[in-house]
N, C-alpha and C. Protein backbone atom coordinates (compact mmCIF):
# COMPACT_ATOMS: atom_id res chain seq x y z
N MET A 1 -12.89 6.40 -25.24
CA MET A 1 -14.31 5.85 -25.33
C MET A 1 -15.52 5.55 -23.89
N LEU A 2 -16.15 5.51 -23.75
CA LEU A 2 -16.85 5.59 -22.70
C LEU A 2 -16.48 3.91 -22.44
N LEU A 3 -16.77 3.55 -20.99
CA LEU A 3 -16.81 2.32 -20.50
C LEU A 3 -17.49 0.93 -21.34
N LEU A 4 -18.86 1.37 -21.28
CA LEU A 4 -19.73 0.24 -22.05
C LEU A 4 -19.42 -0.02 -23.30
N ASP A 5 -18.97 1.01 -23.89
CA ASP A 5 -18.79 1.25 -25.53
C ASP A 5 -17.55 0.02 -25.48
N TYR A 6 -16.51 0.12 -24.98
CA TYR A 6 -15.38 -0.09 -24.82
C TYR A 6 -15.85 -1.88 -24.76
N LEU A 7 -16.43 -2.32 -23.61
CA LEU A 7 -16.44 -3.38 -22.97
C LEU A 7 -17.19 -3.99 -24.34
N LYS A 8 -18.52 -3.29 -24.83
CA LYS A 8 -19.43 -4.08 -25.81
C LYS A 8 -18.02 -4.42 -27.37
N SER A 9 -17.41 -3.92 -27.39
CA SER A 9 -16.34 -3.91 -28.47
C SER A 9 -15.73 -5.31 -28.32
N PHE A 10 -15.85 -5.99 -27.11
CA PHE A 10 -15.02 -7.32 -26.89
C PHE A 10 -16.18 -8.20 -26.57
N PHE A 11 -17.09 -7.80 -25.79
CA PHE A 11 -18.04 -8.60 -25.15
C PHE A 11 -19.51 -8.63 -25.48
N PRO A 12 -20.18 -9.49 -25.32
CA PRO A 12 -21.63 -9.80 -25.51
C PRO A 12 -22.12 -8.60 -24.28
N ILE A 13 -22.08 -7.61 -24.09
CA ILE A 13 -22.65 -7.00 -23.36
C ILE A 13 -24.24 -7.13 -23.35
N ASP A 14 -25.20 -7.74 -22.36
CA ASP A 14 -26.73 -7.77 -22.17
C ASP A 14 -27.06 -6.96 -21.48
N GLU A 15 -28.47 -6.45 -21.38
CA GLU A 15 -29.01 -5.60 -21.09
C GLU A 15 -28.59 -5.37 -19.35
N GLU A 16 -28.69 -6.79 -18.35
CA GLU A 16 -28.41 -7.19 -17.25
C GLU A 16 -27.15 -6.55 -16.74
N LEU A 17 -26.35 -6.72 -17.38
CA LEU A 17 -24.90 -7.03 -17.23
C LEU A 17 -24.85 -4.79 -17.55
N GLU A 18 -25.47 -4.59 -18.95
CA GLU A 18 -24.99 -2.82 -18.95
C GLU A 18 -25.96 -2.47 -17.54
N MET A 19 -26.97 -2.67 -17.43
CA MET A 19 -27.59 -1.88 -16.21
C MET A 19 -26.69 -2.22 -14.44
N PHE A 20 -25.87 -3.21 -14.80
CA PHE A 20 -25.23 -3.66 -13.51
C PHE A 20 -23.94 -2.39 -13.45
N PHE A 21 -23.47 -2.50 -14.82
CA PHE A 21 -22.40 -1.63 -14.56
C PHE A 21 -22.60 -0.49 -14.37
N GLY A 22 -23.85 0.30 -14.98
CA GLY A 22 -24.24 1.29 -14.86
C GLY A 22 -24.90 2.11 -13.27
N SER A 23 -24.76 0.85 -12.70
CA SER A 23 -25.20 1.05 -11.29
C SER A 23 -24.47 1.09 -10.14
N ILE A 24 -23.03 0.35 -10.50
CA ILE A 24 -21.55 0.46 -9.57
C ILE A 24 -20.48 1.45 -10.22
N SER A 25 -20.71 1.57 -11.58
CA SER A 25 -19.18 2.79 -11.52
C SER A 25 -19.78 3.93 -11.60
N GLU A 26 -18.61 4.79 -11.27
CA GLU A 26 -18.76 6.35 -10.86
C GLU A 26 -17.74 6.69 -12.13
N THR A 27 -17.84 7.91 -12.81
CA THR A 27 -16.95 8.57 -13.62
C THR A 27 -16.66 9.72 -13.04
N LYS A 28 -15.25 10.28 -13.08
CA LYS A 28 -14.95 11.29 -12.13
C LYS A 28 -13.96 12.18 -12.98
N GLU A 29 -13.66 13.37 -13.32
CA GLU A 29 -12.80 13.90 -13.95
C GLU A 29 -11.12 14.27 -13.00
N TYR A 30 -10.46 14.31 -13.64
CA TYR A 30 -9.25 14.64 -12.82
C TYR A 30 -8.12 15.63 -13.76
N ARG A 31 -7.80 16.50 -13.00
CA ARG A 31 -7.34 17.49 -13.60
C ARG A 31 -5.66 17.09 -13.49
N LYS A 32 -4.79 17.62 -14.53
CA LYS A 32 -3.39 17.30 -14.78
C LYS A 32 -2.62 17.50 -13.87
N GLY A 33 -1.78 16.46 -13.26
CA GLY A 33 -1.13 16.50 -11.98
C GLY A 33 -1.94 15.85 -10.86
N ALA A 34 -3.12 15.38 -10.68
CA ALA A 34 -4.22 15.03 -9.82
C ALA A 34 -3.73 13.46 -9.59
N PHE A 35 -3.57 13.19 -8.42
CA PHE A 35 -3.50 11.78 -7.84
C PHE A 35 -4.62 11.00 -7.84
N ILE A 36 -4.75 9.99 -8.67
CA ILE A 36 -5.72 9.04 -8.82
C ILE A 36 -5.92 8.29 -7.22
N PHE A 37 -4.65 7.67 -7.22
CA PHE A 37 -4.54 6.88 -5.89
C PHE A 37 -3.01 7.22 -5.84
N VAL A 38 -2.62 6.83 -4.54
CA VAL A 38 -0.91 6.70 -4.34
C VAL A 38 -0.81 5.57 -3.66
N PRO A 39 0.71 5.11 -3.74
CA PRO A 39 1.82 3.86 -3.01
C PRO A 39 0.73 3.85 -1.92
N ASP A 40 0.52 2.64 -1.31
CA ASP A 40 0.43 2.16 0.13
C ASP A 40 -1.00 2.12 0.56
N THR A 41 -2.01 2.46 -0.65
CA THR A 41 -3.22 2.74 -0.23
C THR A 41 -3.85 1.14 -0.51
N TYR A 42 -5.13 1.06 0.35
CA TYR A 42 -5.88 0.24 0.25
C TYR A 42 -6.84 0.00 -0.88
N LEU A 43 -6.40 -0.73 -2.21
CA LEU A 43 -7.78 0.09 -3.21
C LEU A 43 -9.02 -1.01 -3.20
N LYS A 44 -10.27 -0.39 -3.54
CA LYS A 44 -11.27 -1.33 -3.65
C LYS A 44 -12.02 -1.17 -5.09
N HIS A 45 -11.17 -0.40 -6.02
CA HIS A 45 -11.95 -0.16 -7.29
C HIS A 45 -10.59 -0.61 -8.54
N ILE A 46 -11.19 -0.60 -9.66
CA ILE A 46 -10.67 -0.85 -10.76
C ILE A 46 -10.60 0.65 -11.95
N TYR A 47 -10.06 0.72 -12.10
CA TYR A 47 -10.08 2.03 -12.82
C TYR A 47 -9.36 1.97 -14.44
N PHE A 48 -11.25 2.62 -15.09
CA PHE A 48 -10.91 2.48 -16.71
C PHE A 48 -10.41 4.03 -17.41
N VAL A 49 -9.54 4.36 -17.90
CA VAL A 49 -9.10 5.27 -18.35
C VAL A 49 -9.88 5.59 -19.59
N GLU A 50 -11.01 6.32 -19.89
CA GLU A 50 -11.76 7.09 -20.84
C GLU A 50 -11.08 7.78 -21.53
N SER A 51 -10.41 8.91 -21.09
CA SER A 51 -9.72 9.58 -21.82
C SER A 51 -8.61 10.47 -21.12
N GLY A 52 -7.90 10.88 -21.28
CA GLY A 52 -6.58 11.67 -21.01
C GLY A 52 -5.46 10.65 -21.02
N PHE A 53 -4.72 11.29 -20.23
CA PHE A 53 -3.36 9.84 -20.02
C PHE A 53 -3.11 10.04 -18.67
N THR A 54 -2.44 8.82 -18.43
CA THR A 54 -2.25 8.69 -16.66
C THR A 54 -0.59 7.96 -16.50
N ARG A 55 -0.29 7.90 -15.52
CA ARG A 55 1.16 7.33 -15.17
C ARG A 55 1.08 6.30 -13.98
N VAL A 56 1.50 5.04 -13.98
CA VAL A 56 1.78 4.41 -12.73
C VAL A 56 2.94 4.63 -12.20
N PHE A 57 3.18 4.86 -10.78
CA PHE A 57 4.51 5.11 -10.24
C PHE A 57 4.53 4.57 -8.74
N TYR A 58 5.80 4.42 -8.51
CA TYR A 58 6.07 4.30 -7.26
C TYR A 58 7.09 4.99 -6.33
N ASN A 59 7.04 4.90 -5.25
CA ASN A 59 8.35 5.51 -4.72
C ASN A 59 9.42 4.74 -4.16
N LYS A 60 10.84 4.61 -4.61
CA LYS A 60 11.87 3.96 -3.97
C LYS A 60 12.76 4.91 -3.55
N ASP A 61 13.57 4.88 -2.09
CA ASP A 61 14.30 5.42 -1.68
C ASP A 61 14.02 7.14 -1.93
N GLY A 62 12.85 7.56 -1.64
CA GLY A 62 12.52 9.01 -1.60
C GLY A 62 12.52 9.33 -3.14
N LYS A 63 12.74 8.65 -3.83
CA LYS A 63 12.65 9.04 -5.29
C LYS A 63 11.15 8.58 -6.04
N ASP A 64 10.56 9.33 -6.78
CA ASP A 64 9.48 8.92 -7.59
C ASP A 64 9.86 8.39 -9.02
N ILE A 65 9.49 7.19 -9.10
CA ILE A 65 9.63 6.43 -10.60
C ILE A 65 8.58 5.92 -11.09
N THR A 66 8.62 6.14 -12.30
CA THR A 66 7.30 6.35 -13.31
C THR A 66 7.44 4.56 -13.70
N HIS A 67 6.66 3.88 -13.60
CA HIS A 67 6.66 2.20 -13.84
C HIS A 67 5.87 2.39 -15.47
N TYR A 68 4.64 2.70 -15.53
CA TYR A 68 4.30 2.67 -16.76
C TYR A 68 3.24 4.19 -16.88
N PHE A 69 3.19 4.31 -18.45
CA PHE A 69 1.94 5.08 -19.00
C PHE A 69 0.73 4.32 -19.57
N TYR A 70 -0.54 5.03 -19.22
CA TYR A 70 -2.08 4.54 -19.69
C TYR A 70 -2.64 5.66 -20.44
N GLY A 71 -2.93 5.76 -21.95
CA GLY A 71 -3.76 6.40 -22.45
C GLY A 71 -5.26 5.52 -22.47
N GLU A 72 -5.92 6.73 -23.21
CA GLU A 72 -7.16 6.20 -22.94
C GLU A 72 -7.43 4.35 -23.38
N ASN A 73 -8.57 4.09 -22.81
CA ASN A 73 -9.00 2.52 -23.08
C ASN A 73 -8.13 1.54 -22.28
N ASN A 74 -7.77 1.90 -21.32
CA ASN A 74 -7.17 0.90 -20.34
C ASN A 74 -7.76 0.55 -19.12
N PHE A 75 -7.53 -0.65 -18.31
CA PHE A 75 -8.11 -0.87 -17.23
C PHE A 75 -6.69 -0.64 -16.26
N ILE A 76 -6.85 -0.11 -15.00
CA ILE A 76 -5.51 -0.15 -14.00
C ILE A 76 -6.21 -0.40 -12.95
N THR A 77 -5.18 -1.30 -12.09
CA THR A 77 -5.30 -1.10 -10.50
C THR A 77 -4.59 -1.62 -9.75
N GLY A 78 -4.34 -1.68 -8.57
CA GLY A 78 -3.42 -2.30 -7.72
C GLY A 78 -3.41 -4.10 -7.92
N ILE A 79 -3.14 -4.72 -8.80
CA ILE A 79 -3.73 -6.06 -8.20
C ILE A 79 -3.80 -6.82 -7.33
N GLU A 80 -2.60 -6.73 -6.41
CA GLU A 80 -2.47 -7.21 -5.13
C GLU A 80 -3.54 -6.80 -4.26
N SER A 81 -3.74 -5.74 -4.32
CA SER A 81 -4.75 -4.89 -3.53
C SER A 81 -6.00 -5.34 -3.70
N VAL A 82 -6.16 -5.56 -4.88
CA VAL A 82 -7.93 -5.31 -4.82
C VAL A 82 -8.21 -7.10 -5.04
N PHE A 83 -6.99 -7.90 -5.21
CA PHE A 83 -7.04 -9.50 -5.39
C PHE A 83 -6.99 -9.77 -3.84
N TYR A 84 -6.02 -9.58 -3.09
CA TYR A 84 -5.32 -10.07 -2.03
C TYR A 84 -5.54 -8.59 -0.88
N GLU A 85 -6.26 -7.74 -0.97
CA GLU A 85 -6.26 -7.05 0.36
C GLU A 85 -5.06 -6.46 1.07
N LYS A 86 -3.96 -6.45 -0.06
CA LYS A 86 -2.41 -5.58 0.52
C LYS A 86 -2.73 -4.25 -0.13
N PRO A 87 -1.86 -3.35 0.64
CA PRO A 87 -1.60 -2.26 0.07
C PRO A 87 -0.79 -2.07 -1.41
N SER A 88 -1.45 -1.42 -1.94
CA SER A 88 -0.86 -1.37 -3.51
C SER A 88 0.69 -0.60 -3.23
N LEU A 89 1.17 -1.21 -4.31
CA LEU A 89 2.91 -0.99 -4.16
C LEU A 89 2.80 0.66 -5.03
N PHE A 90 1.86 0.66 -6.24
CA PHE A 90 2.05 1.80 -6.91
C PHE A 90 0.84 2.98 -6.56
N GLY A 91 0.99 3.75 -7.19
CA GLY A 91 0.03 4.71 -7.24
C GLY A 91 -0.42 5.37 -8.99
N LEU A 92 -1.22 6.26 -8.79
CA LEU A 92 -1.90 6.35 -10.65
C LEU A 92 -2.20 8.10 -10.55
N GLN A 93 -1.53 8.57 -11.51
CA GLN A 93 -1.65 10.07 -11.83
C GLN A 93 -1.72 10.53 -13.10
N ALA A 94 -2.94 11.36 -12.98
CA ALA A 94 -3.07 12.11 -14.17
C ALA A 94 -2.12 13.13 -14.65
N LEU A 95 -1.71 12.56 -16.08
CA LEU A 95 -0.61 13.35 -16.50
C LEU A 95 -1.23 14.54 -17.44
N ALA A 96 -2.58 14.21 -17.91
CA ALA A 96 -3.46 15.07 -18.81
C ALA A 96 -4.77 15.37 -18.07
N HIS A 97 -5.70 16.31 -18.54
CA HIS A 97 -7.23 16.33 -18.01
C HIS A 97 -7.28 14.72 -18.47
N SER A 98 -8.20 14.12 -17.11
CA SER A 98 -8.16 12.70 -17.67
C SER A 98 -9.79 12.10 -16.90
N ARG A 99 -10.51 11.54 -17.36
CA ARG A 99 -11.80 11.30 -17.56
C ARG A 99 -11.96 9.22 -17.16
N VAL A 100 -11.77 9.38 -15.52
CA VAL A 100 -11.53 7.69 -15.36
C VAL A 100 -13.00 7.35 -14.63
N THR A 101 -13.17 6.09 -15.08
CA THR A 101 -14.67 5.55 -14.45
C THR A 101 -13.90 4.63 -13.34
N LEU A 102 -14.49 4.54 -12.02
CA LEU A 102 -13.80 3.65 -11.03
C LEU A 102 -15.05 3.05 -11.11
N LEU A 103 -15.02 1.53 -11.03
CA LEU A 103 -15.32 0.07 -10.80
C LEU A 103 -15.06 -0.88 -9.57
N PRO A 104 -16.26 -0.22 -8.74
CA PRO A 104 -15.90 -1.40 -7.23
C PRO A 104 -15.57 -2.81 -7.72
N PHE A 105 -14.34 -3.29 -6.88
CA PHE A 105 -14.40 -4.78 -7.28
C PHE A 105 -15.17 -5.72 -6.43
N SER A 106 -15.52 -5.60 -5.10
CA SER A 106 -16.26 -6.40 -4.52
C SER A 106 -17.69 -6.44 -5.46
N PRO A 107 -18.45 -5.89 -6.23
CA PRO A 107 -19.99 -6.34 -7.00
C PRO A 107 -19.38 -6.82 -7.80
N ILE A 108 -18.15 -6.74 -8.37
CA ILE A 108 -17.55 -7.15 -9.93
C ILE A 108 -17.38 -9.36 -9.57
N ARG A 109 -16.74 -8.80 -8.29
CA ARG A 109 -16.37 -10.43 -7.66
C ARG A 109 -17.59 -11.12 -7.68
N GLU A 110 -18.63 -10.58 -7.20
CA GLU A 110 -19.78 -11.49 -6.82
C GLU A 110 -20.55 -11.59 -7.94
N MET A 111 -20.38 -10.53 -8.67
CA MET A 111 -21.13 -11.15 -10.33
C MET A 111 -20.39 -11.96 -11.24
N SER A 112 -19.21 -12.31 -10.75
CA SER A 112 -18.45 -13.56 -11.37
C SER A 112 -19.01 -14.39 -10.77
N GLU A 113 -19.52 -14.69 -10.22
CA GLU A 113 -19.79 -16.18 -9.55
C GLU A 113 -20.88 -16.82 -10.60
N LYS A 114 -21.75 -15.66 -11.09
CA LYS A 114 -22.87 -16.10 -12.02
C LYS A 114 -22.81 -15.61 -13.41
N SER A 115 -21.71 -14.70 -13.69
CA SER A 115 -21.47 -14.59 -15.43
C SER A 115 -20.35 -14.86 -15.75
N ILE A 116 -19.94 -15.65 -16.81
CA ILE A 116 -19.37 -15.81 -17.60
C ILE A 116 -18.72 -14.76 -18.15
N THR A 117 -19.26 -13.30 -18.70
CA THR A 117 -18.84 -12.72 -19.13
C THR A 117 -17.75 -11.41 -18.57
N ILE A 118 -18.49 -11.67 -17.06
CA ILE A 118 -17.30 -10.69 -16.21
C ILE A 118 -16.02 -11.03 -16.24
N ASN A 119 -16.36 -12.72 -16.13
CA ASN A 119 -14.85 -13.84 -15.90
C ASN A 119 -14.06 -13.09 -17.19
N HIS A 120 -14.86 -13.08 -18.18
CA HIS A 120 -13.96 -12.93 -19.31
C HIS A 120 -13.14 -11.60 -19.32
N ILE A 121 -14.10 -10.69 -18.64
CA ILE A 121 -13.66 -9.06 -18.21
C ILE A 121 -12.44 -9.24 -17.75
N ILE A 122 -12.73 -9.53 -16.43
CA ILE A 122 -11.45 -10.02 -15.28
C ILE A 122 -10.19 -10.90 -16.14
N LYS A 123 -10.52 -11.37 -16.68
CA LYS A 123 -9.40 -12.10 -17.52
C LYS A 123 -8.68 -11.14 -18.72
N LYS A 124 -9.43 -10.58 -19.39
CA LYS A 124 -9.06 -10.00 -20.21
C LYS A 124 -8.00 -8.58 -19.40
N MET A 125 -8.87 -8.37 -18.50
CA MET A 125 -7.55 -6.72 -17.48
C MET A 125 -6.50 -7.61 -17.19
N LEU A 126 -6.43 -8.80 -16.80
CA LEU A 126 -5.33 -9.09 -16.17
C LEU A 126 -4.42 -9.65 -17.27
N LEU A 127 -4.66 -9.93 -18.39
CA LEU A 127 -3.76 -10.40 -19.26
C LEU A 127 -3.04 -9.42 -20.06
N ASP A 128 -3.81 -8.32 -20.24
CA ASP A 128 -3.86 -7.33 -20.74
C ASP A 128 -2.29 -6.50 -20.08
N ASN A 129 -2.79 -6.28 -18.78
CA ASN A 129 -1.68 -6.22 -18.00
C ASN A 129 -0.39 -6.63 -17.80
N LEU A 130 -0.94 -8.16 -17.67
CA LEU A 130 0.52 -9.10 -17.67
C LEU A 130 1.27 -8.91 -18.76
N ILE A 131 0.68 -8.91 -20.17
CA ILE A 131 1.59 -8.73 -21.22
C ILE A 131 2.03 -7.54 -21.27
N ALA A 132 1.76 -6.44 -20.84
CA ALA A 132 2.42 -4.81 -20.84
C ALA A 132 3.70 -5.12 -19.93
N PHE A 133 3.47 -5.70 -18.60
CA PHE A 133 4.44 -5.48 -17.70
C PHE A 133 5.35 -6.88 -18.32
N SER A 134 5.03 -8.07 -19.06
CA SER A 134 6.06 -8.76 -19.86
C SER A 134 7.01 -8.02 -20.94
N LYS A 135 6.62 -7.19 -21.35
CA LYS A 135 7.11 -6.51 -22.28
C LYS A 135 8.08 -5.63 -22.20
N ARG A 136 7.13 -4.90 -21.02
CA ARG A 136 8.26 -3.92 -20.16
C ARG A 136 9.38 -4.69 -19.91
N PHE A 137 9.44 -5.61 -18.96
CA PHE A 137 10.45 -6.41 -18.37
C PHE A 137 11.65 -6.77 -19.75
N TYR A 138 10.75 -7.53 -20.69
CA TYR A 138 11.81 -7.83 -21.61
C TYR A 138 12.54 -6.55 -22.33
N ASN A 139 11.98 -5.26 -22.72
CA ASN A 139 12.53 -4.46 -23.33
C ASN A 139 13.72 -3.81 -22.15
N ASN A 140 13.39 -3.94 -20.95
CA ASN A 140 14.58 -3.44 -20.06
C ASN A 140 15.55 -4.14 -19.95
N GLN A 141 15.56 -5.29 -20.38
CA GLN A 141 16.31 -6.48 -20.25
C GLN A 141 17.16 -6.81 -21.47
N PHE A 142 16.68 -6.47 -22.50
CA PHE A 142 17.32 -7.06 -24.16
C PHE A 142 17.29 -5.45 -24.86
N LYS A 143 17.17 -4.45 -24.73
CA LYS A 143 16.87 -3.30 -25.61
C LYS A 143 17.55 -2.12 -24.38
N SER A 144 18.36 -1.36 -25.25
CA SER A 144 19.45 -0.20 -24.79
C SER A 144 18.28 0.74 -24.73
N ALA A 145 18.89 1.61 -24.08
CA ALA A 145 17.91 3.19 -23.66
C ALA A 145 17.38 3.57 -24.78
N GLN A 146 18.26 3.76 -25.84
CA GLN A 146 17.57 4.34 -27.11
C GLN A 146 16.46 3.69 -27.26
N GLU A 147 16.98 2.06 -27.75
CA GLU A 147 15.70 1.36 -28.45
C GLU A 147 14.20 1.47 -27.50
N ARG A 148 14.35 1.63 -26.39
CA ARG A 148 13.40 1.94 -25.57
C ARG A 148 12.70 3.08 -25.37
N TYR A 149 13.31 4.09 -25.73
CA TYR A 149 12.99 5.35 -25.82
C TYR A 149 12.43 5.72 -27.55
N GLU A 150 12.69 4.74 -28.09
CA GLU A 150 12.30 4.79 -29.67
C GLU A 150 10.81 3.93 -29.69
N ALA A 151 10.77 2.60 -28.73
CA ALA A 151 9.68 2.02 -28.68
C ALA A 151 8.36 2.87 -28.14
N LEU A 152 9.02 3.47 -26.97
CA LEU A 152 7.74 4.61 -25.99
C LEU A 152 6.75 5.41 -27.33
N LEU A 153 7.99 5.82 -28.01
CA LEU A 153 7.30 7.08 -28.95
C LEU A 153 6.51 6.33 -29.50
N GLU A 154 6.88 5.28 -30.07
CA GLU A 154 6.17 4.41 -31.07
C GLU A 154 4.62 4.15 -30.74
N GLU A 155 4.97 3.46 -29.51
CA GLU A 155 3.67 3.07 -28.85
C GLU A 155 2.72 4.17 -27.91
N ASN A 156 3.19 5.03 -27.58
CA ASN A 156 2.52 6.40 -26.93
C ASN A 156 3.04 7.83 -27.96
N PRO A 157 2.41 7.76 -29.17
CA PRO A 157 2.94 8.86 -29.89
C PRO A 157 2.74 10.32 -29.12
N THR A 158 1.70 10.18 -28.28
CA THR A 158 1.46 11.60 -27.39
C THR A 158 2.39 11.79 -26.20
N ILE A 159 3.17 11.12 -25.94
CA ILE A 159 4.10 11.01 -24.73
C ILE A 159 4.33 12.50 -24.45
N LEU A 160 5.21 13.11 -25.45
CA LEU A 160 6.02 14.17 -25.59
C LEU A 160 4.90 15.02 -24.97
N GLN A 161 3.87 15.22 -25.51
CA GLN A 161 2.77 16.21 -24.99
C GLN A 161 2.38 15.95 -23.43
N ASN A 162 2.23 14.87 -23.22
CA ASN A 162 1.76 14.63 -21.85
C ASN A 162 2.45 14.27 -20.86
N ALA A 163 4.00 13.42 -20.88
CA ALA A 163 4.75 13.62 -19.97
C ALA A 163 5.74 14.43 -19.78
N SER A 164 6.23 14.80 -18.42
CA SER A 164 7.31 15.62 -18.43
C SER A 164 8.76 14.70 -18.72
N LEU A 165 9.69 15.23 -19.35
CA LEU A 165 10.89 14.51 -19.60
C LEU A 165 11.48 13.90 -18.33
N GLY A 166 11.22 14.28 -17.09
CA GLY A 166 11.81 13.66 -15.86
C GLY A 166 11.12 12.26 -15.80
N HIS A 167 9.41 11.99 -16.13
CA HIS A 167 8.82 10.88 -16.11
C HIS A 167 9.21 9.79 -16.94
N ILE A 168 9.48 10.61 -18.06
CA ILE A 168 9.89 9.95 -19.24
C ILE A 168 11.34 8.96 -19.11
N ALA A 169 12.46 9.87 -18.20
CA ALA A 169 13.67 9.26 -18.13
C ALA A 169 13.21 8.35 -16.66
N SER A 170 12.65 8.70 -15.93
CA SER A 170 12.86 7.62 -14.62
C SER A 170 12.20 6.15 -15.38
N TYR A 171 10.86 6.81 -16.32
CA TYR A 171 10.23 5.06 -16.60
C TYR A 171 11.36 4.47 -17.42
N LEU A 172 12.35 5.23 -17.97
CA LEU A 172 13.64 4.70 -18.99
C LEU A 172 14.53 3.88 -18.18
N GLY A 173 14.83 4.60 -16.68
CA GLY A 173 15.84 4.17 -16.02
C GLY A 173 16.99 4.77 -16.41
N VAL A 174 16.84 5.99 -16.97
CA VAL A 174 17.91 6.82 -16.77
C VAL A 174 17.93 8.01 -16.28
N SER A 175 19.12 9.03 -16.71
CA SER A 175 19.09 10.45 -16.23
C SER A 175 18.72 11.26 -16.96
N GLN A 176 18.02 12.19 -16.82
CA GLN A 176 17.38 13.11 -17.70
C GLN A 176 18.31 14.05 -18.79
N GLN A 177 19.82 13.91 -17.96
CA GLN A 177 20.93 14.20 -19.04
C GLN A 177 21.30 12.88 -19.91
N THR A 178 20.94 11.88 -19.81
CA THR A 178 21.19 10.65 -20.64
C THR A 178 19.76 10.95 -21.67
N LEU A 179 18.67 11.21 -21.34
CA LEU A 179 17.81 11.19 -22.18
C LEU A 179 17.74 12.31 -23.25
N SER A 180 18.61 13.50 -22.64
CA SER A 180 18.57 14.47 -23.53
C SER A 180 19.94 14.12 -25.00
N VAL A 181 20.70 13.24 -24.22
CA VAL A 181 21.52 12.63 -25.34
C VAL A 181 20.73 12.05 -26.05
N ILE A 182 20.36 11.01 -25.52
CA ILE A 182 19.02 10.23 -26.69
C ILE A 182 18.48 10.79 -27.71
N ARG A 183 18.14 11.70 -27.06
CA ARG A 183 16.97 12.59 -27.85
C ARG A 183 17.66 13.22 -29.28
N GLY A 184 18.91 13.84 -28.26
CA GLY A 184 19.92 14.38 -29.49
C GLY A 184 20.15 13.61 -30.51
N ASN A 185 20.09 12.24 -30.32
CA ASN A 185 20.70 11.40 -31.69
C ASN A 185 19.52 10.98 -32.34
N LEU A 186 18.58 11.18 -32.47
CA LEU A 186 17.48 11.04 -33.34
C LEU A 186 17.34 11.95 -34.38
């Protein structure tokens, strides 16, 4: 879904805001495997996945760990980076051909001084991400690896077509061998 169509489904986007988003946004295509941004980068944009499939990842002790998967109609950014000007802990990679709209945060922050709608958009973006990460934390604390895998399949029905088993295993916090056993039990 296009950015403006998505925003209009939640918020009253008037002509001024439509022109504003049109003037600041840039849409890019990323091939499968392309890095949209990498860890330790200073981010200045909010990313909206119009189509495709992506993963948020980080590096720990030389290992690439998948933190989250995002399909279309999701906002993604390194919150610590755009809000607090720190390097992002995370990177973003396209796992399928993806169309992503980049929104520079600086003009959005300026526009939020005079637009309640922009504030509502920022609030929705932050709350959606907080809820997703809270759910992930809860699942990791209280569900078995098999329950987490089943929930992942339910939430992301196309995950097996888009993500490698290595990415799925690292997301679940298990080895690929354990993932194979889990899959065999279904």
